[in-house]
Amino acid sequence: MRYLSYLRRNWRGRDVLFEPLCRKPADVFDDDASTMTVLNLSSLEARVDELISALGDLADENRALRDQQSNLLAERAALIEKSELARSRVESMIARLKAMEVSS
């Protein structure tokens, strides 16, 4: 961020050199109670960038975990169905064995 002088048209339409009231960003924040320097701003900007990056990573991880959960739920449903089928087959075999035992 640069604070430089620049040309600006005055009310007469002439170009005049305009210089901002503050020459450096630190001048904007120099107060008695709190001092925010350029370093604080750049470190804050770096931290915000880190948080945005972390947010993207977490969103990707969250999406992957949701996909994994969906796959696991589908696999669980298939296994429950197989288990029920096996149970019904075993019950029918037991019933047939009992019927054979009674008839002999």
PDB file of N, CA and C in Angstrom:
ATOM      1  N   MET A   1       0.850  -1.165   0.000  1.00  0.00           N
ATOM      2  CA  MET A   1       0.000   0.000   0.000  1.00  0.00           C
ATOM      3  C   MET A   1       0.898   1.231   0.000  1.00  0.00           C
ATOM      4  N   ARG A   2       0.696   2.099  -0.961  1.00  0.00           N
ATOM      5  CA  ARG A   2       1.539   3.288  -1.048  1.00  0.00           C
ATOM      6  C   ARG A   2       0.679   4.524  -0.873  1.00  0.00           C
ATOM      7  N   TYR A   3       1.203   5.456  -0.141  1.00  0.00           N
ATOM      8  CA  TYR A   3       0.561   6.743   0.042  1.00  0.00           C
ATOM      9  C   TYR A   3       1.434   7.789  -0.627  1.00  0.00           C
ATOM     10  N   LEU A   4       1.103   8.127  -1.833  1.00  0.00           N
ATOM     11  CA  LEU A   4       1.892   9.072  -2.601  1.00  0.00           C
ATOM     12  C   LEU A   4       1.048  10.295  -2.939  1.00  0.00           C
ATOM     13  N   SER A   5       1.748  11.341  -3.296  1.00  0.00           N
ATOM     14  CA  SER A   5       1.052  12.521  -3.792  1.00  0.00           C
ATOM     15  C   SER A   5       0.496  12.218  -5.172  1.00  0.00           C
ATOM     16  N   TYR A   6      -0.581  12.861  -5.536  1.00  0.00           N
ATOM     17  CA  TYR A   6      -1.122  12.672  -6.866  1.00  0.00           C
ATOM     18  C   TYR A   6      -1.826  13.949  -7.311  1.00  0.00           C
ATOM     19  N   LEU A   7      -2.063  14.015  -8.618  1.00  0.00           N
ATOM     20  CA  LEU A   7      -2.715  15.200  -9.168  1.00  0.00           C
ATOM     21  C   LEU A   7      -4.219  15.073  -9.026  1.00  0.00           C
ATOM     22  N   ARG A   8      -4.821  16.226  -8.730  1.00  0.00           N
ATOM     23  CA  ARG A   8      -6.265  16.242  -8.580  1.00  0.00           C
ATOM     24  C   ARG A   8      -6.773  17.568  -9.140  1.00  0.00           C
ATOM     25  N   ARG A   9      -7.929  17.505  -9.746  1.00  0.00           N
ATOM     26  CA  ARG A   9      -8.495  18.749 -10.292  1.00  0.00           C
ATOM     27  C   ARG A   9      -9.170  19.545  -9.185  1.00  0.00           C
ATOM     28  N   ASN A  10      -8.845  20.828  -9.127  1.00  0.00           N
ATOM     29  CA  ASN A  10      -9.496  21.676  -8.137  1.00  0.00           C
ATOM     30  C   ASN A  10     -10.811  22.219  -8.695  1.00  0.00           C
ATOM     31  N   TRP A  11     -11.448  23.066  -7.977  1.00  0.00           N
ATOM     32  CA  TRP A  11     -12.761  23.564  -8.385  1.00  0.00           C
ATOM     33  C   TRP A  11     -12.689  24.438  -9.625  1.00  0.00           C
ATOM     34  N   ARG A  12     -11.514  24.922  -9.966  1.00  0.00           N
ATOM     35  CA  ARG A  12     -11.352  25.731 -11.177  1.00  0.00           C
ATOM     36  C   ARG A  12     -11.063  24.865 -12.390  1.00  0.00           C
ATOM     37  N   GLY A  13     -10.861  23.569 -12.156  1.00  0.00           N
ATOM     38  CA  GLY A  13     -10.564  22.681 -13.264  1.00  0.00           C
ATOM     39  C   GLY A  13      -9.087  22.547 -13.533  1.00  0.00           C
ATOM     40  N   ARG A  14      -8.273  23.128 -12.693  1.00  0.00           N
ATOM     41  CA  ARG A  14      -6.830  23.013 -12.866  1.00  0.00           C
ATOM     42  C   ARG A  14      -6.302  21.823 -12.073  1.00  0.00           C
ATOM     43  N   ASP A  15      -5.231  21.207 -12.594  1.00  0.00           N
ATOM     44  CA  ASP A  15      -4.585  20.111 -11.877  1.00  0.00           C
ATOM     45  C   ASP A  15      -3.682  20.680 -10.800  1.00  0.00           C
ATOM     46  N   VAL A  16      -3.879  20.207  -9.587  1.00  0.00           N
ATOM     47  CA  VAL A  16      -3.035  20.634  -8.481  1.00  0.00           C
ATOM     48  C   VAL A  16      -2.483  19.394  -7.791  1.00  0.00           C
ATOM     49  N   LEU A  17      -1.329  19.560  -7.157  1.00  0.00           N
ATOM     50  CA  LEU A  17      -0.719  18.454  -6.441  1.00  0.00           C
ATOM     51  C   LEU A  17      -1.465  18.258  -5.129  1.00  0.00           C
ATOM     52  N   PHE A  18      -1.956  17.059  -4.919  1.00  0.00           N
ATOM     53  CA  PHE A  18      -2.697  16.750  -3.717  1.00  0.00           C
ATOM     54  C   PHE A  18      -1.871  15.787  -2.880  1.00  0.00           C
ATOM     55  N   GLU A  19      -1.678  16.122  -1.616  1.00  0.00           N
ATOM     56  CA  GLU A  19      -0.955  15.246  -0.710  1.00  0.00           C
ATOM     57  C   GLU A  19      -1.900  14.841   0.409  1.00  0.00           C
ATOM     58  N   PRO A  20      -2.027  13.554   0.635  1.00  0.00           N
ATOM     59  CA  PRO A  20      -2.917  13.100   1.712  1.00  0.00           C
ATOM     60  C   PRO A  20      -2.446  13.619   3.057  1.00  0.00           C
ATOM     61  N   LEU A  21      -3.368  13.658   4.011  1.00  0.00           N
ATOM     62  CA  LEU A  21      -3.023  14.129   5.345  1.00  0.00           C
ATOM     63  C   LEU A  21      -2.030  13.192   6.024  1.00  0.00           C
ATOM     64  N   CYS A  22      -2.154  11.920   5.771  1.00  0.00           N
ATOM     65  CA  CYS A  22      -1.221  10.983   6.390  1.00  0.00           C
ATOM     66  C   CYS A  22      -0.289  10.440   5.322  1.00  0.00           C
ATOM     67  N   ARG A  23       0.974  10.353   5.647  1.00  0.00           N
ATOM     68  CA  ARG A  23       1.974   9.902   4.689  1.00  0.00           C
ATOM     69  C   ARG A  23       2.225   8.405   4.775  1.00  0.00           C
ATOM     70  N   LYS A  24       1.965   7.800   5.902  1.00  0.00           N
ATOM     71  CA  LYS A  24       2.186   6.376   6.066  1.00  0.00           C
ATOM     72  C   LYS A  24       0.996   5.783   6.828  1.00  0.00           C
ATOM     73  N   PRO A  25       0.722   4.525   6.633  1.00  0.00           N
ATOM     74  CA  PRO A  25      -0.448   3.912   7.270  1.00  0.00           C
ATOM     75  C   PRO A  25      -0.425   3.990   8.782  1.00  0.00           C
ATOM     76  N   ALA A  26       0.741   3.955   9.402  1.00  0.00           N
ATOM     77  CA  ALA A  26       0.815   3.975  10.858  1.00  0.00           C
ATOM     78  C   ALA A  26       0.247   5.278  11.420  1.00  0.00           C
ATOM     79  N   ASP A  27       0.350   6.378  10.663  1.00  0.00           N
ATOM     80  CA  ASP A  27      -0.174   7.653  11.137  1.00  0.00           C
ATOM     81  C   ASP A  27      -1.679   7.604  11.351  1.00  0.00           C
ATOM     82  N   VAL A  28      -2.360   6.763  10.605  1.00  0.00           N
ATOM     83  CA  VAL A  28      -3.811   6.681  10.716  1.00  0.00           C
ATOM     84  C   VAL A  28      -4.211   6.129  12.070  1.00  0.00           C
ATOM     85  N   PHE A  29      -3.404   5.225  12.617  1.00  0.00           N
ATOM     86  CA  PHE A  29      -3.802   4.488  13.805  1.00  0.00           C
ATOM     87  C   PHE A  29      -3.083   4.922  15.084  1.00  0.00           C
ATOM     88  N   ASP A  30      -2.267   5.953  15.013  1.00  0.00           N
ATOM     89  CA  ASP A  30      -1.554   6.383  16.207  1.00  0.00           C
ATOM     90  C   ASP A  30      -2.512   7.096  17.143  1.00  0.00           C
ATOM     91  N   ASP A  31      -2.943   6.417  18.182  1.00  0.00           N
ATOM     92  CA  ASP A  31      -3.801   6.972  19.221  1.00  0.00           C
ATOM     93  C   ASP A  31      -3.090   6.786  20.545  1.00  0.00           C
ATOM     94  N   ASP A  32      -3.538   7.514  21.547  1.00  0.00           N
ATOM     95  CA  ASP A  32      -2.955   7.351  22.881  1.00  0.00           C
ATOM     96  C   ASP A  32      -3.322   5.978  23.454  1.00  0.00           C
ATOM     97  N   ALA A  33      -4.548   5.568  23.266  1.00  0.00           N
ATOM     98  CA  ALA A  33      -5.027   4.327  23.884  1.00  0.00           C
ATOM     99  C   ALA A  33      -4.528   3.088  23.152  1.00  0.00           C
ATOM    100  N   SER A  34      -4.567   3.110  21.834  1.00  0.00           N
ATOM    101  CA  SER A  34      -4.168   1.905  21.100  1.00  0.00           C
ATOM    102  C   SER A  34      -3.335   2.295  19.891  1.00  0.00           C
ATOM    103  N   THR A  35      -2.333   1.477  19.603  1.00  0.00           N
ATOM    104  CA  THR A  35      -1.471   1.722  18.459  1.00  0.00           C
ATOM    105  C   THR A  35      -1.489   0.497  17.575  1.00  0.00           C
ATOM    106  N   MET A  36      -1.997   0.697  16.353  1.00  0.00           N
ATOM    107  CA  MET A  36      -2.000  -0.396  15.385  1.00  0.00           C
ATOM    108  C   MET A  36      -1.005  -0.035  14.306  1.00  0.00           C
ATOM    109  N   THR A  37       0.023  -0.811  14.171  1.00  0.00           N
ATOM    110  CA  THR A  37       1.071  -0.515  13.207  1.00  0.00           C
ATOM    111  C   THR A  37       0.865  -1.311  11.932  1.00  0.00           C
ATOM    112  N   VAL A  38       1.686  -1.011  10.974  1.00  0.00           N
ATOM    113  CA  VAL A  38       1.639  -1.722   9.708  1.00  0.00           C
ATOM    114  C   VAL A  38       1.937  -3.200   9.929  1.00  0.00           C
ATOM    115  N   LEU A  39       2.852  -3.493  10.854  1.00  0.00           N
ATOM    116  CA  LEU A  39       3.169  -4.885  11.167  1.00  0.00           C
ATOM    117  C   LEU A  39       1.949  -5.619  11.708  1.00  0.00           C
ATOM    118  N   ASN A  40       1.188  -4.947  12.565  1.00  0.00           N
ATOM    119  CA  ASN A  40      -0.026  -5.564  13.088  1.00  0.00           C
ATOM    120  C   ASN A  40      -1.014  -5.844  11.966  1.00  0.00           C
ATOM    121  N   LEU A  41      -1.131  -4.899  11.052  1.00  0.00           N
ATOM    122  CA  LEU A  41      -2.053  -5.100   9.933  1.00  0.00           C
ATOM    123  C   LEU A  41      -1.597  -6.243   9.032  1.00  0.00           C
ATOM    124  N   SER A  42      -0.302  -6.300   8.761  1.00  0.00           N
ATOM    125  CA  SER A  42       0.184  -7.362   7.888  1.00  0.00           C
ATOM    126  C   SER A  42       0.088  -8.719   8.574  1.00  0.00           C
ATOM    127  N   SER A  43       0.341  -8.765   9.889  1.00  0.00           N
ATOM    128  CA  SER A  43       0.196 -10.038  10.594  1.00  0.00           C
ATOM    129  C   SER A  43      -1.271 -10.437  10.667  1.00  0.00           C
ATOM    130  N   LEU A  44      -2.149  -9.469  10.830  1.00  0.00           N
ATOM    131  CA  LEU A  44      -3.588  -9.753  10.827  1.00  0.00           C
ATOM    132  C   LEU A  44      -4.016 -10.264   9.457  1.00  0.00           C
ATOM    133  N   GLU A  45      -3.515  -9.647   8.402  1.00  0.00           N
ATOM    134  CA  GLU A  45      -3.827 -10.081   7.049  1.00  0.00           C
ATOM    135  C   GLU A  45      -3.319 -11.505   6.809  1.00  0.00           C
ATOM    136  N   ALA A  46      -2.113 -11.787   7.293  1.00  0.00           N
ATOM    137  CA  ALA A  46      -1.551 -13.137   7.144  1.00  0.00           C
ATOM    138  C   ALA A  46      -2.402 -14.147   7.904  1.00  0.00           C
ATOM    139  N   ARG A  47      -2.845 -13.779   9.096  1.00  0.00           N
ATOM    140  CA  ARG A  47      -3.678 -14.684   9.906  1.00  0.00           C
ATOM    141  C   ARG A  47      -5.027 -14.923   9.229  1.00  0.00           C
ATOM    142  N   VAL A  48      -5.610 -13.883   8.668  1.00  0.00           N
ATOM    143  CA  VAL A  48      -6.880 -14.040   7.946  1.00  0.00           C
ATOM    144  C   VAL A  48      -6.685 -14.966   6.751  1.00  0.00           C
ATOM    145  N   ASP A  49      -5.577 -14.806   6.028  1.00  0.00           N
ATOM    146  CA  ASP A  49      -5.286 -15.694   4.901  1.00  0.00           C
ATOM    147  C   ASP A  49      -5.138 -17.139   5.367  1.00  0.00           C
ATOM    148  N   GLU A  50      -4.451 -17.332   6.512  1.00  0.00           N
ATOM    149  CA  GLU A  50      -4.312 -18.684   7.068  1.00  0.00           C
ATOM    150  C   GLU A  50      -5.676 -19.269   7.415  1.00  0.00           C
ATOM    151  N   LEU A  51      -6.530 -18.453   8.013  1.00  0.00           N
ATOM    152  CA  LEU A  51      -7.863 -18.929   8.397  1.00  0.00           C
ATOM    153  C   LEU A  51      -8.709 -19.269   7.175  1.00  0.00           C
ATOM    154  N   ILE A  52      -8.588 -18.473   6.131  1.00  0.00           N
ATOM    155  CA  ILE A  52      -9.333 -18.760   4.896  1.00  0.00           C
ATOM    156  C   ILE A  52      -8.845 -20.063   4.296  1.00  0.00           C
ATOM    157  N   SER A  53      -7.532 -20.265   4.315  1.00  0.00           N
ATOM    158  CA  SER A  53      -6.962 -21.516   3.811  1.00  0.00           C
ATOM    159  C   SER A  53      -7.434 -22.699   4.656  1.00  0.00           C
ATOM    160  N   ALA A  54      -7.415 -22.520   5.977  1.00  0.00           N
ATOM    161  CA  ALA A  54      -7.870 -23.588   6.872  1.00  0.00           C
ATOM    162  C   ALA A  54      -9.347 -23.881   6.645  1.00  0.00           C
ATOM    163  N   LEU A  55     -10.117 -22.847   6.404  1.00  0.00           N
ATOM    164  CA  LEU A  55     -11.545 -23.034   6.127  1.00  0.00           C
ATOM    165  C   LEU A  55     -11.748 -23.875   4.879  1.00  0.00           C
ATOM    166  N   GLY A  56     -10.980 -23.590   3.835  1.00  0.00           N
ATOM    167  CA  GLY A  56     -11.073 -24.385   2.607  1.00  0.00           C
ATOM    168  C   GLY A  56     -10.684 -25.826   2.847  1.00  0.00           C
ATOM    169  N   ASP A  57      -9.596 -26.031   3.617  1.00  0.00           N
ATOM    170  CA  ASP A  57      -9.167 -27.397   3.931  1.00  0.00           C
ATOM    171  C   ASP A  57     -10.230 -28.138   4.728  1.00  0.00           C
ATOM    172  N   LEU A  58     -10.814 -27.452   5.713  1.00  0.00           N
ATOM    173  CA  LEU A  58     -11.845 -28.087   6.530  1.00  0.00           C
ATOM    174  C   LEU A  58     -13.102 -28.385   5.717  1.00  0.00           C
ATOM    175  N   ALA A  59     -13.440 -27.511   4.797  1.00  0.00           N
ATOM    176  CA  ALA A  59     -14.602 -27.762   3.938  1.00  0.00           C
ATOM    177  C   ALA A  59     -14.362 -28.994   3.072  1.00  0.00           C
ATOM    178  N   ASP A  60     -13.142 -29.122   2.526  1.00  0.00           N
ATOM    179  CA  ASP A  60     -12.807 -30.306   1.726  1.00  0.00           C
ATOM    180  C   ASP A  60     -12.858 -31.567   2.580  1.00  0.00           C
ATOM    181  N   GLU A  61     -12.287 -31.485   3.778  1.00  0.00           N
ATOM    182  CA  GLU A  61     -12.288 -32.644   4.681  1.00  0.00           C
ATOM    183  C   GLU A  61     -13.713 -33.012   5.081  1.00  0.00           C
ATOM    184  N   ASN A  62     -14.521 -32.009   5.348  1.00  0.00           N
ATOM    185  CA  ASN A  62     -15.917 -32.240   5.723  1.00  0.00           C
ATOM    186  C   ASN A  62     -16.665 -32.934   4.589  1.00  0.00           C
ATOM    187  N   ARG A  63     -16.439 -32.480   3.366  1.00  0.00           N
ATOM    188  CA  ARG A  63     -17.082 -33.089   2.201  1.00  0.00           C
ATOM    189  C   ARG A  63     -16.653 -34.555   2.062  1.00  0.00           C
ATOM    190  N   ALA A  64     -15.353 -34.808   2.243  1.00  0.00           N
ATOM    191  CA  ALA A  64     -14.845 -36.178   2.146  1.00  0.00           C
ATOM    192  C   ALA A  64     -15.439 -37.060   3.243  1.00  0.00           C
ATOM    193  N   LEU A  65     -15.539 -36.512   4.455  1.00  0.00           N
ATOM    194  CA  LEU A  65     -16.123 -37.291   5.555  1.00  0.00           C
ATOM    195  C   LEU A  65     -17.603 -37.579   5.326  1.00  0.00           C
ATOM    196  N   ARG A  66     -18.322 -36.621   4.768  1.00  0.00           N
ATOM    197  CA  ARG A  66     -19.746 -36.855   4.460  1.00  0.00           C
ATOM    198  C   ARG A  66     -19.899 -37.935   3.385  1.00  0.00           C
ATOM    199  N   ASP A  67     -19.022 -37.897   2.378  1.00  0.00           N
ATOM    200  CA  ASP A  67     -19.055 -38.944   1.353  1.00  0.00           C
ATOM    201  C   ASP A  67     -18.745 -40.303   1.959  1.00  0.00           C
ATOM    202  N   GLN A  68     -17.738 -40.337   2.834  1.00  0.00           N
ATOM    203  CA  GLN A  68     -17.361 -41.591   3.494  1.00  0.00           C
ATOM    204  C   GLN A  68     -18.512 -42.101   4.354  1.00  0.00           C
ATOM    205  N   GLN A  69     -19.164 -41.202   5.074  1.00  0.00           N
ATOM    206  CA  GLN A  69     -20.305 -41.594   5.908  1.00  0.00           C
ATOM    207  C   GLN A  69     -21.431 -42.157   5.052  1.00  0.00           C
ATOM    208  N   SER A  70     -21.694 -41.520   3.929  1.00  0.00           N
ATOM    209  CA  SER A  70     -22.739 -41.994   3.022  1.00  0.00           C
ATOM    210  C   SER A  70     -22.407 -43.394   2.513  1.00  0.00           C
ATOM    211  N   ASN A  71     -21.148 -43.606   2.132  1.00  0.00           N
ATOM    212  CA  ASN A  71     -20.730 -44.929   1.655  1.00  0.00           C
ATOM    213  C   ASN A  71     -20.851 -45.979   2.756  1.00  0.00           C
ATOM    214  N   LEU A  72     -20.444 -45.607   3.971  1.00  0.00           N
ATOM    215  CA  LEU A  72     -20.525 -46.553   5.084  1.00  0.00           C
ATOM    216  C   LEU A  72     -21.974 -46.890   5.433  1.00  0.00           C
ATOM    217  N   LEU A  73     -22.865 -45.915   5.353  1.00  0.00           N
ATOM    218  CA  LEU A  73     -24.280 -46.184   5.621  1.00  0.00           C
ATOM    219  C   LEU A  73     -24.867 -47.120   4.567  1.00  0.00           C
ATOM    220  N   ALA A  74     -24.473 -46.921   3.319  1.00  0.00           N
ATOM    221  CA  ALA A  74     -24.950 -47.807   2.252  1.00  0.00           C
ATOM    222  C   ALA A  74     -24.406 -49.214   2.463  1.00  0.00           C
ATOM    223  N   GLU A  75     -23.133 -49.322   2.840  1.00  0.00           N
ATOM    224  CA  GLU A  75     -22.532 -50.631   3.102  1.00  0.00           C
ATOM    225  C   GLU A  75     -23.218 -51.306   4.285  1.00  0.00           C
ATOM    226  N   ARG A  76     -23.522 -50.537   5.312  1.00  0.00           N
ATOM    227  CA  ARG A  76     -24.220 -51.075   6.492  1.00  0.00           C
ATOM    228  C   ARG A  76     -25.593 -51.610   6.113  1.00  0.00           C
ATOM    229  N   ALA A  77     -26.312 -50.862   5.301  1.00  0.00           N
ATOM    230  CA  ALA A  77     -27.642 -51.304   4.868  1.00  0.00           C
ATOM    231  C   ALA A  77     -27.542 -52.604   4.084  1.00  0.00           C
ATOM    232  N   ALA A  78     -26.532 -52.707   3.222  1.00  0.00           N
ATOM    233  CA  ALA A  78     -26.347 -53.941   2.446  1.00  0.00           C
ATOM    234  C   ALA A  78     -26.014 -55.108   3.367  1.00  0.00           C
ATOM    235  N   LEU A  79     -25.171 -54.867   4.373  1.00  0.00           N
ATOM    236  CA  LEU A  79     -24.814 -55.932   5.316  1.00  0.00           C
ATOM    237  C   LEU A  79     -26.010 -56.354   6.169  1.00  0.00           C
ATOM    238  N   ILE A  80     -26.835 -55.417   6.563  1.00  0.00           N
ATOM    239  CA  ILE A  80     -28.046 -55.752   7.326  1.00  0.00           C
ATOM    240  C   ILE A  80     -28.973 -56.608   6.470  1.00  0.00           C
ATOM    241  N   GLU A  81     -29.109 -56.239   5.200  1.00  0.00           N
ATOM    242  CA  GLU A  81     -29.958 -57.022   4.300  1.00  0.00           C
ATOM    243  C   GLU A  81     -29.418 -58.443   4.146  1.00  0.00           C
ATOM    244  N   LYS A  82     -28.103 -58.574   3.970  1.00  0.00           N
ATOM    245  CA  LYS A  82     -27.497 -59.904   3.868  1.00  0.00           C
ATOM    246  C   LYS A  82     -27.712 -60.701   5.142  1.00  0.00           C
ATOM    247  N   SER A  83     -27.567 -60.053   6.274  1.00  0.00           N
ATOM    248  CA  SER A  83     -27.753 -60.714   7.562  1.00  0.00           C
ATOM    249  C   SER A  83     -29.192 -61.219   7.713  1.00  0.00           C
ATOM    250  N   GLU A  84     -30.135 -60.401   7.330  1.00  0.00           N
ATOM    251  CA  GLU A  84     -31.549 -60.809   7.403  1.00  0.00           C
ATOM    252  C   GLU A  84     -31.819 -61.992   6.477  1.00  0.00           C
ATOM    253  N   LEU A  85     -31.232 -61.971   5.287  1.00  0.00           N
ATOM    254  CA  LEU A  85     -31.405 -63.077   4.342  1.00  0.00           C
ATOM    255  C   LEU A  85     -30.805 -64.361   4.916  1.00  0.00           C
ATOM    256  N   ALA A  86     -29.622 -64.265   5.493  1.00  0.00           N
ATOM    257  CA  ALA A  86     -28.982 -65.435   6.105  1.00  0.00           C
ATOM    258  C   ALA A  86     -29.811 -65.948   7.269  1.00  0.00           C
ATOM    259  N   ARG A  87     -30.346 -65.042   8.088  1.00  0.00           N
ATOM    260  CA  ARG A  87     -31.183 -65.448   9.225  1.00  0.00           C
ATOM    261  C   ARG A  87     -32.420 -66.190   8.754  1.00  0.00           C
ATOM    262  N   SER A  88     -33.064 -65.676   7.723  1.00  0.00           N
ATOM    263  CA  SER A  88     -34.278 -66.347   7.234  1.00  0.00           C
ATOM    264  C   SER A  88     -33.952 -67.721   6.648  1.00  0.00           C
ATOM    265  N   ARG A  89     -32.802 -67.838   5.986  1.00  0.00           N
ATOM    266  CA  ARG A  89     -32.400 -69.152   5.453  1.00  0.00           C
ATOM    267  C   ARG A  89     -32.130 -70.144   6.580  1.00  0.00           C
ATOM    268  N   VAL A  90     -31.429 -69.686   7.611  1.00  0.00           N
ATOM    269  CA  VAL A  90     -31.133 -70.563   8.748  1.00  0.00           C
ATOM    270  C   VAL A  90     -32.432 -70.987   9.431  1.00  0.00           C
ATOM    271  N   GLU A  91     -33.351 -70.036   9.609  1.00  0.00           N
ATOM    272  CA  GLU A  91     -34.630 -70.380  10.239  1.00  0.00           C
ATOM    273  C   GLU A  91     -35.414 -71.391   9.400  1.00  0.00           C
ATOM    274  N   SER A  92     -35.375 -71.227   8.069  1.00  0.00           N
ATOM    275  CA  SER A  92     -36.093 -72.184   7.223  1.00  0.00           C
ATOM    276  C   SER A  92     -35.426 -73.565   7.265  1.00  0.00           C
ATOM    277  N   MET A  93     -34.081 -73.611   7.357  1.00  0.00           N
ATOM    278  CA  MET A  93     -33.381 -74.898   7.472  1.00  0.00           C
ATOM    279  C   MET A  93     -33.716 -75.573   8.795  1.00  0.00           C
ATOM    280  N   ILE A  94     -33.781 -74.795   9.868  1.00  0.00           N
ATOM    281  CA  ILE A  94     -34.139 -75.350  11.175  1.00  0.00           C
ATOM    282  C   ILE A  94     -35.552 -75.912  11.132  1.00  0.00           C
ATOM    283  N   ALA A  95     -36.460 -75.163  10.503  1.00  0.00           N
ATOM    284  CA  ALA A  95     -37.840 -75.634  10.403  1.00  0.00           C
ATOM    285  C   ALA A  95     -37.907 -76.936   9.597  1.00  0.00           C
ATOM    286  N   ARG A  96     -37.148 -77.021   8.497  1.00  0.00           N
ATOM    287  CA  ARG A  96     -37.139 -78.258   7.703  1.00  0.00           C
ATOM    288  C   ARG A  96     -36.541 -79.425   8.491  1.00  0.00           C
ATOM    289  N   LEU A  97     -35.475 -79.148   9.247  1.00  0.00           N
ATOM    290  CA  LEU A  97     -34.861 -80.214  10.061  1.00  0.00           C
ATOM    291  C   LEU A  97     -35.843 -80.707  11.132  1.00  0.00           C
ATOM    292  N   LYS A  98     -36.562 -79.792  11.750  1.00  0.00           N
ATOM    293  CA  LYS A  98     -37.549 -80.199  12.738  1.00  0.00           C
ATOM    294  C   LYS A  98     -38.650 -81.016  12.079  1.00  0.00           C
ATOM    295  N   ALA A  99     -39.054 -80.614  10.891  1.00  0.00           N
ATOM    296  CA  ALA A  99     -40.102 -81.353  10.183  1.00  0.00           C
ATOM    297  C   ALA A  99     -39.611 -82.753   9.814  1.00  0.00           C
ATOM    298  N   MET A 100     -38.355 -82.855   9.400  1.00  0.00           N
ATOM    299  CA  MET A 100     -37.783 -84.180   9.086  1.00  0.00           C
ATOM    300  C   MET A 100     -37.676 -85.045  10.338  1.00  0.00           C
ATOM    301  N   GLU A 101     -37.350 -84.435  11.459  1.00  0.00           N
ATOM    302  CA  GLU A 101     -37.194 -85.158  12.706  1.00  0.00           C
ATOM    303  C   GLU A 101     -38.540 -85.681  13.175  1.00  0.00           C
ATOM    304  N   VAL A 102     -39.569 -84.888  13.053  1.00  0.00           N
ATOM    305  CA  VAL A 102     -40.921 -85.287  13.468  1.00  0.00           C
ATOM    306  C   VAL A 102     -41.409 -86.422  12.569  1.00  0.00           C
ATOM    307  N   SER A 103     -41.131 -86.348  11.276  1.00  0.00           N
ATOM    308  CA  SER A 103     -41.627 -87.355  10.348  1.00  0.00           C
ATOM    309  C   SER A 103     -40.886 -88.673  10.456  1.00  0.00           C
ATOM    310  N   SER A 104     -39.698 -88.676  11.011  1.00  0.00           N
ATOM    311  CA  SER A 104     -39.001 -89.961  11.106  1.00  0.00           C
ATOM    312  C   SER A 104     -39.291 -90.688  12.364  1.00  0.00           C
TER     313      SER A 104
END
